[in-house]
Amino acid sequence: MRVSIFSIQGALFEGGAEKLICHTPQGQITVLDRHIPLVSILTAPSVEVVREDGGREKIPVSSGFIEVRPESEVVILTN
């Protein structure tokens, strides 16, 4: 799936991912390819991106929003 993570400072991550692990007020969620459309608030401490090559990146997040769009696209806006 295509993932874009943006902050006020600019792009934090843009590329392909196997899955995302995020924290929301309702608990932790995992977003996989072909996930149903979703809009949610994000909470601390981070968003973990598991890249298509198997590598992992943890991006610190104190708050923000995630939008899972049709056609396997995810956009995250954070501060």
PDB file of N, CA and C in Angstrom:
ATOM      1  N   MET A   1       0.846  -1.166   0.000  1.00  0.00           N
ATOM      2  CA  MET A   1       0.000   0.000   0.000  1.00  0.00           C
ATOM      3  C   MET A   1       0.897   1.236   0.000  1.00  0.00           C
ATOM      4  N   ARG A   2       0.386   2.316  -0.488  1.00  0.00           N
ATOM      5  CA  ARG A   2       1.119   3.576  -0.568  1.00  0.00           C
ATOM      6  C   ARG A   2       0.843   4.381   0.695  1.00  0.00           C
ATOM      7  N   VAL A   3       1.915   4.824   1.374  1.00  0.00           N
ATOM      8  CA  VAL A   3       1.786   5.546   2.635  1.00  0.00           C
ATOM      9  C   VAL A   3       2.492   6.896   2.527  1.00  0.00           C
ATOM     10  N   SER A   4       1.808   7.936   2.985  1.00  0.00           N
ATOM     11  CA  SER A   4       2.387   9.279   3.066  1.00  0.00           C
ATOM     12  C   SER A   4       2.143   9.804   4.472  1.00  0.00           C
ATOM     13  N   ILE A   5       3.222  10.216   5.147  1.00  0.00           N
ATOM     14  CA  ILE A   5       3.130  10.778   6.492  1.00  0.00           C
ATOM     15  C   ILE A   5       3.733  12.175   6.440  1.00  0.00           C
ATOM     16  N   PHE A   6       2.918  13.175   6.805  1.00  0.00           N
ATOM     17  CA  PHE A   6       3.340  14.566   6.725  1.00  0.00           C
ATOM     18  C   PHE A   6       3.220  15.254   8.076  1.00  0.00           C
ATOM     19  N   SER A   7       4.160  16.157   8.349  1.00  0.00           N
ATOM     20  CA  SER A   7       4.074  17.057   9.495  1.00  0.00           C
ATOM     21  C   SER A   7       4.188  18.476   8.964  1.00  0.00           C
ATOM     22  N   ILE A   8       4.120  19.436   9.841  1.00  0.00           N
ATOM     23  CA  ILE A   8       4.274  20.827   9.436  1.00  0.00           C
ATOM     24  C   ILE A   8       5.652  21.049   8.800  1.00  0.00           C
ATOM     25  N   GLN A   9       6.650  20.314   9.257  1.00  0.00           N
ATOM     26  CA  GLN A   9       8.009  20.460   8.739  1.00  0.00           C
ATOM     27  C   GLN A   9       8.186  19.845   7.349  1.00  0.00           C
ATOM     28  N   GLY A  10       7.290  18.961   6.939  1.00  0.00           N
ATOM     29  CA  GLY A  10       7.394  18.329   5.621  1.00  0.00           C
ATOM     30  C   GLY A  10       7.087  16.848   5.680  1.00  0.00           C
ATOM     31  N   ALA A  11       7.498  16.139   4.634  1.00  0.00           N
ATOM     32  CA  ALA A  11       7.235  14.701   4.543  1.00  0.00           C
ATOM     33  C   ALA A  11       8.147  13.940   5.500  1.00  0.00           C
ATOM     34  N   LEU A  12       7.541  13.055   6.308  1.00  0.00           N
ATOM     35  CA  LEU A  12       8.293  12.199   7.221  1.00  0.00           C
ATOM     36  C   LEU A  12       8.514  10.813   6.627  1.00  0.00           C
ATOM     37  N   PHE A  13       7.577  10.381   5.782  1.00  0.00           N
ATOM     38  CA  PHE A  13       7.692   9.080   5.109  1.00  0.00           C
ATOM     39  C   PHE A  13       6.788   9.110   3.889  1.00  0.00           C
ATOM     40  N   GLU A  14       7.309   8.622   2.782  1.00  0.00           N
ATOM     41  CA  GLU A  14       6.513   8.419   1.575  1.00  0.00           C
ATOM     42  C   GLU A  14       7.042   7.170   0.904  1.00  0.00           C
ATOM     43  N   GLY A  15       6.172   6.199   0.700  1.00  0.00           N
ATOM     44  CA  GLY A  15       6.602   4.978   0.050  1.00  0.00           C
ATOM     45  C   GLY A  15       5.653   3.829   0.292  1.00  0.00           C
ATOM     46  N   GLY A  16       6.117   2.652  -0.086  1.00  0.00           N
ATOM     47  CA  GLY A  16       5.310   1.459   0.063  1.00  0.00           C
ATOM     48  C   GLY A  16       5.463   0.855   1.440  1.00  0.00           C
ATOM     49  N   ALA A  17       4.381   0.279   1.947  1.00  0.00           N
ATOM     50  CA  ALA A  17       4.405  -0.364   3.261  1.00  0.00           C
ATOM     51  C   ALA A  17       3.573  -1.630   3.232  1.00  0.00           C
ATOM     52  N   GLU A  18       4.012  -2.594   4.017  1.00  0.00           N
ATOM     53  CA  GLU A  18       3.273  -3.841   4.194  1.00  0.00           C
ATOM     54  C   GLU A  18       2.154  -3.652   5.210  1.00  0.00           C
ATOM     55  N   LYS A  19       2.480  -2.862   6.289  1.00  0.00           N
ATOM     56  CA  LYS A  19       1.463  -2.567   7.303  1.00  0.00           C
ATOM     57  C   LYS A  19       1.884  -1.363   8.123  1.00  0.00           C
ATOM     58  N   LEU A  20       0.896  -0.775   8.807  1.00  0.00           N
ATOM     59  CA  LEU A  20       1.107   0.333   9.737  1.00  0.00           C
ATOM     60  C   LEU A  20       0.527  -0.065  11.082  1.00  0.00           C
ATOM     61  N   ILE A  21       1.219   0.292  12.135  1.00  0.00           N
ATOM     62  CA  ILE A  21       0.720   0.066  13.483  1.00  0.00           C
ATOM     63  C   ILE A  21       0.591   1.442  14.129  1.00  0.00           C
ATOM     64  N   CYS A  22      -0.646   1.807  14.490  1.00  0.00           N
ATOM     65  CA  CYS A  22      -0.956   3.150  14.989  1.00  0.00           C
ATOM     66  C   CYS A  22      -1.715   3.063  16.303  1.00  0.00           C
ATOM     67  N   HIS A  23      -1.657   4.166  17.056  1.00  0.00           N
ATOM     68  CA  HIS A  23      -2.410   4.262  18.307  1.00  0.00           C
ATOM     69  C   HIS A  23      -3.520   5.295  18.132  1.00  0.00           C
ATOM     70  N   THR A  24      -4.723   4.925  18.550  1.00  0.00           N
ATOM     71  CA  THR A  24      -5.898   5.803  18.494  1.00  0.00           C
ATOM     72  C   THR A  24      -6.486   5.891  19.905  1.00  0.00           C
ATOM     73  N   PRO A  25      -7.421   6.799  20.130  1.00  0.00           N
ATOM     74  CA  PRO A  25      -8.063   6.858  21.455  1.00  0.00           C
ATOM     75  C   PRO A  25      -8.748   5.544  21.845  1.00  0.00           C
ATOM     76  N   GLN A  26      -9.166   4.737  20.864  1.00  0.00           N
ATOM     77  CA  GLN A  26      -9.834   3.464  21.155  1.00  0.00           C
ATOM     78  C   GLN A  26      -8.852   2.301  21.309  1.00  0.00           C
ATOM     79  N   GLY A  27      -7.575   2.521  21.027  1.00  0.00           N
ATOM     80  CA  GLY A  27      -6.575   1.467  21.145  1.00  0.00           C
ATOM     81  C   GLY A  27      -5.695   1.385  19.912  1.00  0.00           C
ATOM     82  N   GLN A  28      -4.863   0.382  19.887  1.00  0.00           N
ATOM     83  CA  GLN A  28      -3.921   0.183  18.785  1.00  0.00           C
ATOM     84  C   GLN A  28      -4.627  -0.446  17.591  1.00  0.00           C
ATOM     85  N   ILE A  29      -4.291   0.028  16.379  1.00  0.00           N
ATOM     86  CA  ILE A  29      -4.835  -0.565  15.162  1.00  0.00           C
ATOM     87  C   ILE A  29      -3.683  -0.928  14.235  1.00  0.00           C
ATOM     88  N   THR A  30      -3.917  -1.906  13.403  1.00  0.00           N
ATOM     89  CA  THR A  30      -2.977  -2.290  12.357  1.00  0.00           C
ATOM     90  C   THR A  30      -3.693  -2.134  11.031  1.00  0.00           C
ATOM     91  N   VAL A  31      -3.075  -1.389  10.123  1.00  0.00           N
ATOM     92  CA  VAL A  31      -3.648  -1.151   8.804  1.00  0.00           C
ATOM     93  C   VAL A  31      -2.866  -2.004   7.808  1.00  0.00           C
ATOM     94  N   LEU A  32      -3.589  -2.846   7.096  1.00  0.00           N
ATOM     95  CA  LEU A  32      -2.998  -3.710   6.074  1.00  0.00           C
ATOM     96  C   LEU A  32      -3.486  -3.285   4.698  1.00  0.00           C
ATOM     97  N   ASP A  33      -2.855  -3.811   3.657  1.00  0.00           N
ATOM     98  CA  ASP A  33      -3.269  -3.546   2.291  1.00  0.00           C
ATOM     99  C   ASP A  33      -4.750  -3.890   2.128  1.00  0.00           C
ATOM    100  N   ARG A  34      -5.480  -3.074   1.406  1.00  0.00           N
ATOM    101  CA  ARG A  34      -6.908  -3.235   1.134  1.00  0.00           C
ATOM    102  C   ARG A  34      -7.781  -3.086   2.387  1.00  0.00           C
ATOM    103  N   HIS A  35      -7.288  -2.340   3.370  1.00  0.00           N
ATOM    104  CA  HIS A  35      -8.062  -2.039   4.579  1.00  0.00           C
ATOM    105  C   HIS A  35      -9.301  -1.244   4.187  1.00  0.00           C
ATOM    106  N   ILE A  36     -10.365  -1.381   4.957  1.00  0.00           N
ATOM    107  CA  ILE A  36     -11.576  -0.598   4.672  1.00  0.00           C
ATOM    108  C   ILE A  36     -11.265   0.889   4.871  1.00  0.00           C
ATOM    109  N   PRO A  37     -11.959   1.780   4.152  1.00  0.00           N
ATOM    110  CA  PRO A  37     -11.746   3.213   4.360  1.00  0.00           C
ATOM    111  C   PRO A  37     -11.970   3.579   5.828  1.00  0.00           C
ATOM    112  N   LEU A  38     -11.141   4.516   6.306  1.00  0.00           N
ATOM    113  CA  LEU A  38     -11.150   4.857   7.729  1.00  0.00           C
ATOM    114  C   LEU A  38     -10.598   6.264   7.906  1.00  0.00           C
ATOM    115  N   VAL A  39     -11.171   7.015   8.837  1.00  0.00           N
ATOM    116  CA  VAL A  39     -10.605   8.279   9.302  1.00  0.00           C
ATOM    117  C   VAL A  39     -10.606   8.205  10.817  1.00  0.00           C
ATOM    118  N   SER A  40      -9.442   8.498  11.441  1.00  0.00           N
ATOM    119  CA  SER A  40      -9.345   8.409  12.896  1.00  0.00           C
ATOM    120  C   SER A  40      -8.318   9.401  13.418  1.00  0.00           C
ATOM    121  N   ILE A  41      -8.453   9.718  14.695  1.00  0.00           N
ATOM    122  CA  ILE A  41      -7.470  10.521  15.418  1.00  0.00           C
ATOM    123  C   ILE A  41      -6.318   9.603  15.811  1.00  0.00           C
ATOM    124  N   LEU A  42      -5.100  10.111  15.769  1.00  0.00           N
ATOM    125  CA  LEU A  42      -3.930   9.368  16.239  1.00  0.00           C
ATOM    126  C   LEU A  42      -3.471   9.925  17.577  1.00  0.00           C
ATOM    127  N   THR A  43      -2.914   9.059  18.411  1.00  0.00           N
ATOM    128  CA  THR A  43      -2.357   9.462  19.697  1.00  0.00           C
ATOM    129  C   THR A  43      -0.920   8.973  19.799  1.00  0.00           C
ATOM    130  N   ALA A  44      -0.241   9.437  20.829  1.00  0.00           N
ATOM    131  CA  ALA A  44       1.159   9.066  21.077  1.00  0.00           C
ATOM    132  C   ALA A  44       1.256   7.569  21.369  1.00  0.00           C
ATOM    133  N   PRO A  45       2.372   6.928  21.214  1.00  0.00           N
ATOM    134  CA  PRO A  45       3.687   7.543  21.055  1.00  0.00           C
ATOM    135  C   PRO A  45       4.224   7.572  19.621  1.00  0.00           C
ATOM    136  N   SER A  46       3.744   6.687  18.736  1.00  0.00           N
ATOM    137  CA  SER A  46       4.377   6.605  17.417  1.00  0.00           C
ATOM    138  C   SER A  46       3.476   5.897  16.413  1.00  0.00           C
ATOM    139  N   VAL A  47       3.901   6.004  15.153  1.00  0.00           N
ATOM    140  CA  VAL A  47       3.342   5.197  14.071  1.00  0.00           C
ATOM    141  C   VAL A  47       4.491   4.313  13.607  1.00  0.00           C
ATOM    142  N   GLU A  48       4.268   3.008  13.586  1.00  0.00           N
ATOM    143  CA  GLU A  48       5.296   2.083  13.115  1.00  0.00           C
ATOM    144  C   GLU A  48       4.951   1.669  11.688  1.00  0.00           C
ATOM    145  N   VAL A  49       5.907   1.881  10.796  1.00  0.00           N
ATOM    146  CA  VAL A  49       5.749   1.519   9.393  1.00  0.00           C
ATOM    147  C   VAL A  49       6.582   0.272   9.135  1.00  0.00           C
ATOM    148  N   VAL A  50       5.943  -0.790   8.657  1.00  0.00           N
ATOM    149  CA  VAL A  50       6.669  -1.981   8.213  1.00  0.00           C
ATOM    150  C   VAL A  50       6.730  -1.873   6.694  1.00  0.00           C
ATOM    151  N   ARG A  51       7.925  -1.544   6.199  1.00  0.00           N
ATOM    152  CA  ARG A  51       8.111  -1.322   4.762  1.00  0.00           C
ATOM    153  C   ARG A  51       7.962  -2.626   3.987  1.00  0.00           C
ATOM    154  N   GLU A  52       7.794  -2.501   2.678  1.00  0.00           N
ATOM    155  CA  GLU A  52       7.638  -3.668   1.811  1.00  0.00           C
ATOM    156  C   GLU A  52       8.857  -4.583   1.846  1.00  0.00           C
ATOM    157  N   ASP A  53      10.049  -4.014   2.151  1.00  0.00           N
ATOM    158  CA  ASP A  53      11.264  -4.824   2.217  1.00  0.00           C
ATOM    159  C   ASP A  53      11.456  -5.473   3.588  1.00  0.00           C
ATOM    160  N   GLY A  54      10.481  -5.271   4.489  1.00  0.00           N
ATOM    161  CA  GLY A  54      10.540  -5.879   5.824  1.00  0.00           C
ATOM    162  C   GLY A  54      11.153  -4.989   6.884  1.00  0.00           C
ATOM    163  N   GLY A  55      11.788  -3.894   6.480  1.00  0.00           N
ATOM    164  CA  GLY A  55      12.361  -2.963   7.442  1.00  0.00           C
ATOM    165  C   GLY A  55      11.271  -2.240   8.210  1.00  0.00           C
ATOM    166  N   ARG A  56      11.645  -1.718   9.362  1.00  0.00           N
ATOM    167  CA  ARG A  56      10.671  -1.035  10.214  1.00  0.00           C
ATOM    168  C   ARG A  56      11.163   0.367  10.546  1.00  0.00           C
ATOM    169  N   GLU A  57      10.218   1.292  10.603  1.00  0.00           N
ATOM    170  CA  GLU A  57      10.509   2.667  11.016  1.00  0.00           C
ATOM    171  C   GLU A  57       9.467   3.090  12.033  1.00  0.00           C
ATOM    172  N   LYS A  58       9.928   3.658  13.151  1.00  0.00           N
ATOM    173  CA  LYS A  58       9.006   4.223  14.140  1.00  0.00           C
ATOM    174  C   LYS A  58       9.086   5.734  14.018  1.00  0.00           C
ATOM    175  N   ILE A  59       7.942   6.338  13.757  1.00  0.00           N
ATOM    176  CA  ILE A  59       7.863   7.781  13.597  1.00  0.00           C
ATOM    177  C   ILE A  59       7.121   8.334  14.809  1.00  0.00           C
ATOM    178  N   PRO A  60       7.797   9.173  15.612  1.00  0.00           N
ATOM    179  CA  PRO A  60       7.147   9.733  16.800  1.00  0.00           C
ATOM    180  C   PRO A  60       5.937  10.580  16.419  1.00  0.00           C
ATOM    181  N   VAL A  61       4.853  10.409  17.173  1.00  0.00           N
ATOM    182  CA  VAL A  61       3.603  11.132  16.943  1.00  0.00           C
ATOM    183  C   VAL A  61       3.042  11.515  18.305  1.00  0.00           C
ATOM    184  N   SER A  62       2.697  12.797  18.467  1.00  0.00           N
ATOM    185  CA  SER A  62       2.001  13.177  19.706  1.00  0.00           C
ATOM    186  C   SER A  62       0.495  13.264  19.454  1.00  0.00           C
ATOM    187  N   SER A  63       0.133  13.646  18.226  1.00  0.00           N
ATOM    188  CA  SER A  63      -1.276  13.663  17.829  1.00  0.00           C
ATOM    189  C   SER A  63      -1.339  13.782  16.312  1.00  0.00           C
ATOM    190  N   GLY A  64      -2.514  13.563  15.761  1.00  0.00           N
ATOM    191  CA  GLY A  64      -2.675  13.676  14.314  1.00  0.00           C
ATOM    192  C   GLY A  64      -3.905  12.945  13.836  1.00  0.00           C
ATOM    193  N   PHE A  65      -3.950  12.749  12.519  1.00  0.00           N
ATOM    194  CA  PHE A  65      -5.073  12.079  11.875  1.00  0.00           C
ATOM    195  C   PHE A  65      -4.565  11.069  10.867  1.00  0.00           C
ATOM    196  N   ILE A  66      -5.306   9.983  10.702  1.00  0.00           N
ATOM    197  CA  ILE A  66      -5.020   8.989   9.673  1.00  0.00           C
ATOM    198  C   ILE A  66      -6.251   8.878   8.778  1.00  0.00           C
ATOM    199  N   GLU A  67      -6.003   8.810   7.490  1.00  0.00           N
ATOM    200  CA  GLU A  67      -7.072   8.544   6.525  1.00  0.00           C
ATOM    201  C   GLU A  67      -6.638   7.372   5.661  1.00  0.00           C
ATOM    202  N   VAL A  68      -7.421   6.306   5.707  1.00  0.00           N
ATOM    203  CA  VAL A  68      -7.190   5.152   4.835  1.00  0.00           C
ATOM    204  C   VAL A  68      -8.161   5.303   3.677  1.00  0.00           C
ATOM    205  N   ARG A  69      -7.592   5.466   2.491  1.00  0.00           N
ATOM    206  CA  ARG A  69      -8.401   5.717   1.300  1.00  0.00           C
ATOM    207  C   ARG A  69      -8.563   4.443   0.483  1.00  0.00           C
ATOM    208  N   PRO A  70      -9.596   4.399  -0.362  1.00  0.00           N
ATOM    209  CA  PRO A  70      -9.720   3.262  -1.282  1.00  0.00           C
ATOM    210  C   PRO A  70      -8.472   3.170  -2.164  1.00  0.00           C
ATOM    211  N   GLU A  71      -8.271   2.053  -2.776  1.00  0.00           N
ATOM    212  CA  GLU A  71      -7.106   1.817  -3.642  1.00  0.00           C
ATOM    213  C   GLU A  71      -5.794   1.760  -2.859  1.00  0.00           C
ATOM    214  N   SER A  72      -5.854   1.336  -1.597  1.00  0.00           N
ATOM    215  CA  SER A  72      -4.670   1.080  -0.777  1.00  0.00           C
ATOM    216  C   SER A  72      -3.755   2.291  -0.638  1.00  0.00           C
ATOM    217  N   GLU A  73      -4.330   3.420  -0.258  1.00  0.00           N
ATOM    218  CA  GLU A  73      -3.555   4.633   0.006  1.00  0.00           C
ATOM    219  C   GLU A  73      -3.851   5.118   1.414  1.00  0.00           C
ATOM    220  N   VAL A  74      -2.803   5.470   2.156  1.00  0.00           N
ATOM    221  CA  VAL A  74      -2.948   5.959   3.528  1.00  0.00           C
ATOM    222  C   VAL A  74      -2.242   7.302   3.634  1.00  0.00           C
ATOM    223  N   VAL A  75      -2.919   8.277   4.232  1.00  0.00           N
ATOM    224  CA  VAL A  75      -2.337   9.594   4.481  1.00  0.00           C
ATOM    225  C   VAL A  75      -2.434   9.875   5.977  1.00  0.00           C
ATOM    226  N   ILE A  76      -1.309  10.276   6.561  1.00  0.00           N
ATOM    227  CA  ILE A  76      -1.262  10.629   7.981  1.00  0.00           C
ATOM    228  C   ILE A  76      -0.765  12.058   8.077  1.00  0.00           C
ATOM    229  N   LEU A  77      -1.492  12.881   8.854  1.00  0.00           N
ATOM    230  CA  LEU A  77      -1.083  14.251   9.156  1.00  0.00           C
ATOM    231  C   LEU A  77      -0.799  14.316  10.647  1.00  0.00           C
ATOM    232  N   THR A  78       0.399  14.797  10.999  1.00  0.00           N
ATOM    233  CA  THR A  78       0.794  14.857  12.395  1.00  0.00           C
ATOM    234  C   THR A  78       1.511  16.165  12.670  1.00  0.00           C
ATOM    235  N   ASN A  79       1.726  16.450  13.957  1.00  0.00           N
ATOM    236  CA  ASN A  79       2.433  17.686  14.284  1.00  0.00           C
ATOM    237  C   ASN A  79       3.866  17.427  14.639  1.00  0.00           C
TER     238      ASN A  79
END
